[in-house]
Amino acid sequence: MVTIRGIYDGKNIRVLPSEPVPVAHRQVPVAIIFLEDVTNTDQIRRLQIEIAQRMRTARAGMLPLGASVKDLVEQGRERKSLSSTHRLP
């Protein structure tokens, strides 16, 4: 028996990138065993959609940053470089 770990997304099964896959010399019947109940995929998907909607609502209620993310990153880098050059011994 060969065991190959993979990911099931509700439609397809993909082998994990780090999983070694043996070379196939012939076709053989395969039995796929799910260790967890996958019938809840619809419920999980609805929960993901609900969480995303709550996040969008929360984001819509936030004030704008007042600067672009790029500018904020640059300001953070400048502060970091200034603080590292002005340290006391």
C-alpha atoms as a PDB file:
ATOM      1  CA  MET A   1       0.000   0.000   0.000  1.00  0.00           C
ATOM      2  CA  VAL A   2       1.189   3.519  -0.790  1.00  0.00           C
ATOM      3  CA  THR A   3       0.099   6.589   1.153  1.00  0.00           C
ATOM      4  CA  ILE A   4       0.370  10.007  -0.448  1.00  0.00           C
ATOM      5  CA  ARG A   5      -0.768  13.055   1.479  1.00  0.00           C
ATOM      6  CA  GLY A   6      -2.692  15.698  -0.413  1.00  0.00           C
ATOM      7  CA  ILE A   7      -5.189  18.531  -0.216  1.00  0.00           C
ATOM      8  CA  TYR A   8      -8.844  18.176  -1.164  1.00  0.00           C
ATOM      9  CA  ASP A   9     -10.580  21.481  -2.002  1.00  0.00           C
ATOM     10  CA  GLY A  10     -14.042  20.030  -2.512  1.00  0.00           C
ATOM     11  CA  LYS A  11     -13.448  19.249  -6.191  1.00  0.00           C
ATOM     12  CA  ASN A  12      -9.861  18.177  -6.758  1.00  0.00           C
ATOM     13  CA  ILE A  13      -7.126  16.385  -4.871  1.00  0.00           C
ATOM     14  CA  ARG A  14      -3.609  17.798  -5.132  1.00  0.00           C
ATOM     15  CA  VAL A  15      -0.457  16.205  -3.782  1.00  0.00           C
ATOM     16  CA  LEU A  16       1.382  18.283  -1.175  1.00  0.00           C
ATOM     17  CA  PRO A  17       4.462  19.932  -2.748  1.00  0.00           C
ATOM     18  CA  SER A  18       6.840  18.233  -0.301  1.00  0.00           C
ATOM     19  CA  GLU A  19       5.246  14.788  -0.728  1.00  0.00           C
ATOM     20  CA  PRO A  20       7.351  12.286  -2.691  1.00  0.00           C
ATOM     21  CA  VAL A  21       5.300  10.626  -5.414  1.00  0.00           C
ATOM     22  CA  PRO A  22       6.406   7.193  -6.624  1.00  0.00           C
ATOM     23  CA  VAL A  23       6.895   6.562 -10.324  1.00  0.00           C
ATOM     24  CA  ALA A  24       3.841   4.837 -11.816  1.00  0.00           C
ATOM     25  CA  HIS A  25       4.610   1.765 -13.922  1.00  0.00           C
ATOM     26  CA  ARG A  26       0.995   0.764 -14.446  1.00  0.00           C
ATOM     27  CA  GLN A  27      -2.522   1.835 -13.533  1.00  0.00           C
ATOM     28  CA  VAL A  28      -4.116   0.360 -10.427  1.00  0.00           C
ATOM     29  CA  PRO A  29      -7.443   0.891  -8.658  1.00  0.00           C
ATOM     30  CA  VAL A  30      -7.262   3.548  -5.938  1.00  0.00           C
ATOM     31  CA  ALA A  31      -9.221   3.948  -2.712  1.00  0.00           C
ATOM     32  CA  ILE A  32      -9.337   7.478  -1.280  1.00  0.00           C
ATOM     33  CA  ILE A  33     -10.034   7.684   2.434  1.00  0.00           C
ATOM     34  CA  PHE A  34     -10.967  10.997   4.044  1.00  0.00           C
ATOM     35  CA  LEU A  35      -9.863  11.203   7.659  1.00  0.00           C
ATOM     36  CA  GLU A  36     -12.199  14.133   8.295  1.00  0.00           C
ATOM     37  CA  ASP A  37     -15.801  14.650   7.259  1.00  0.00           C
ATOM     38  CA  VAL A  38     -15.764  16.673   4.032  1.00  0.00           C
ATOM     39  CA  THR A  39     -19.538  17.040   3.809  1.00  0.00           C
ATOM     40  CA  ASN A  40     -19.276  20.319   5.744  1.00  0.00           C
ATOM     41  CA  THR A  41     -17.548  22.138   2.870  1.00  0.00           C
ATOM     42  CA  ASP A  42     -20.705  24.157   2.110  1.00  0.00           C
ATOM     43  CA  GLN A  43     -20.988  25.217   5.743  1.00  0.00           C
ATOM     44  CA  ILE A  44     -17.290  26.144   5.881  1.00  0.00           C
ATOM     45  CA  ARG A  45     -17.614  28.163   2.662  1.00  0.00           C
ATOM     46  CA  ARG A  46     -20.639  30.062   4.054  1.00  0.00           C
ATOM     47  CA  LEU A  47     -18.666  30.832   7.218  1.00  0.00           C
ATOM     48  CA  GLN A  48     -15.727  32.130   5.154  1.00  0.00           C
ATOM     49  CA  ILE A  49     -18.068  34.387   3.163  1.00  0.00           C
ATOM     50  CA  GLU A  50     -19.675  35.677   6.373  1.00  0.00           C
ATOM     51  CA  ILE A  51     -16.261  36.475   7.899  1.00  0.00           C
ATOM     52  CA  ALA A  52     -15.157  38.276   4.720  1.00  0.00           C
ATOM     53  CA  GLN A  53     -18.337  40.366   4.753  1.00  0.00           C
ATOM     54  CA  ARG A  54     -17.741  41.339   8.402  1.00  0.00           C
ATOM     55  CA  MET A  55     -14.149  42.316   7.564  1.00  0.00           C
ATOM     56  CA  ARG A  56     -15.312  44.474   4.633  1.00  0.00           C
ATOM     57  CA  THR A  57     -17.905  46.178   6.856  1.00  0.00           C
ATOM     58  CA  ALA A  58     -15.283  46.883   9.532  1.00  0.00           C
ATOM     59  CA  ARG A  59     -12.840  48.213   6.922  1.00  0.00           C
ATOM     60  CA  ALA A  60     -15.526  50.494   5.432  1.00  0.00           C
ATOM     61  CA  GLY A  61     -16.029  52.041   8.873  1.00  0.00           C
ATOM     62  CA  MET A  62     -12.343  52.930   9.298  1.00  0.00           C
ATOM     63  CA  LEU A  63     -10.926  56.359   8.556  1.00  0.00           C
ATOM     64  CA  PRO A  64      -8.512  56.631   5.615  1.00  0.00           C
ATOM     65  CA  LEU A  65      -4.804  56.471   6.464  1.00  0.00           C
ATOM     66  CA  GLY A  66      -4.053  59.926   5.084  1.00  0.00           C
ATOM     67  CA  ALA A  67      -1.000  58.610   3.245  1.00  0.00           C
ATOM     68  CA  SER A  68      -0.262  55.798   0.851  1.00  0.00           C
ATOM     69  CA  VAL A  69       1.042  52.522   2.224  1.00  0.00           C
ATOM     70  CA  LYS A  70       4.280  53.107   0.298  1.00  0.00           C
ATOM     71  CA  ASP A  71       4.782  56.476   2.048  1.00  0.00           C
ATOM     72  CA  LEU A  72       4.090  54.921   5.455  1.00  0.00           C
ATOM     73  CA  VAL A  73       6.645  52.172   4.798  1.00  0.00           C
ATOM     74  CA  GLU A  74       9.254  54.742   3.745  1.00  0.00           C
ATOM     75  CA  GLN A  75       8.571  56.805   6.895  1.00  0.00           C
ATOM     76  CA  GLY A  76       9.021  53.700   9.017  1.00  0.00           C
ATOM     77  CA  ARG A  77      12.349  52.948   7.329  1.00  0.00           C
ATOM     78  CA  GLU A  78      13.540  56.514   7.867  1.00  0.00           C
ATOM     79  CA  ARG A  79      12.620  56.372  11.569  1.00  0.00           C
ATOM     80  CA  LYS A  80      14.381  53.053  11.976  1.00  0.00           C
ATOM     81  CA  SER A  81      17.567  54.276  10.294  1.00  0.00           C
ATOM     82  CA  LEU A  82      17.553  57.505  12.358  1.00  0.00           C
ATOM     83  CA  SER A  83      17.091  55.655  15.631  1.00  0.00           C
ATOM     84  CA  SER A  84      19.896  53.210  14.813  1.00  0.00           C
ATOM     85  CA  THR A  85      22.374  56.014  13.914  1.00  0.00           C
ATOM     86  CA  HIS A  86      21.610  58.139  17.009  1.00  0.00           C
ATOM     87  CA  ARG A  87      22.055  55.539  19.737  1.00  0.00           C
ATOM     88  CA  LEU A  88      23.972  56.424  22.824  1.00  0.00           C
ATOM     89  CA  PRO A  89      26.987  54.275  23.758  1.00  0.00           C
END
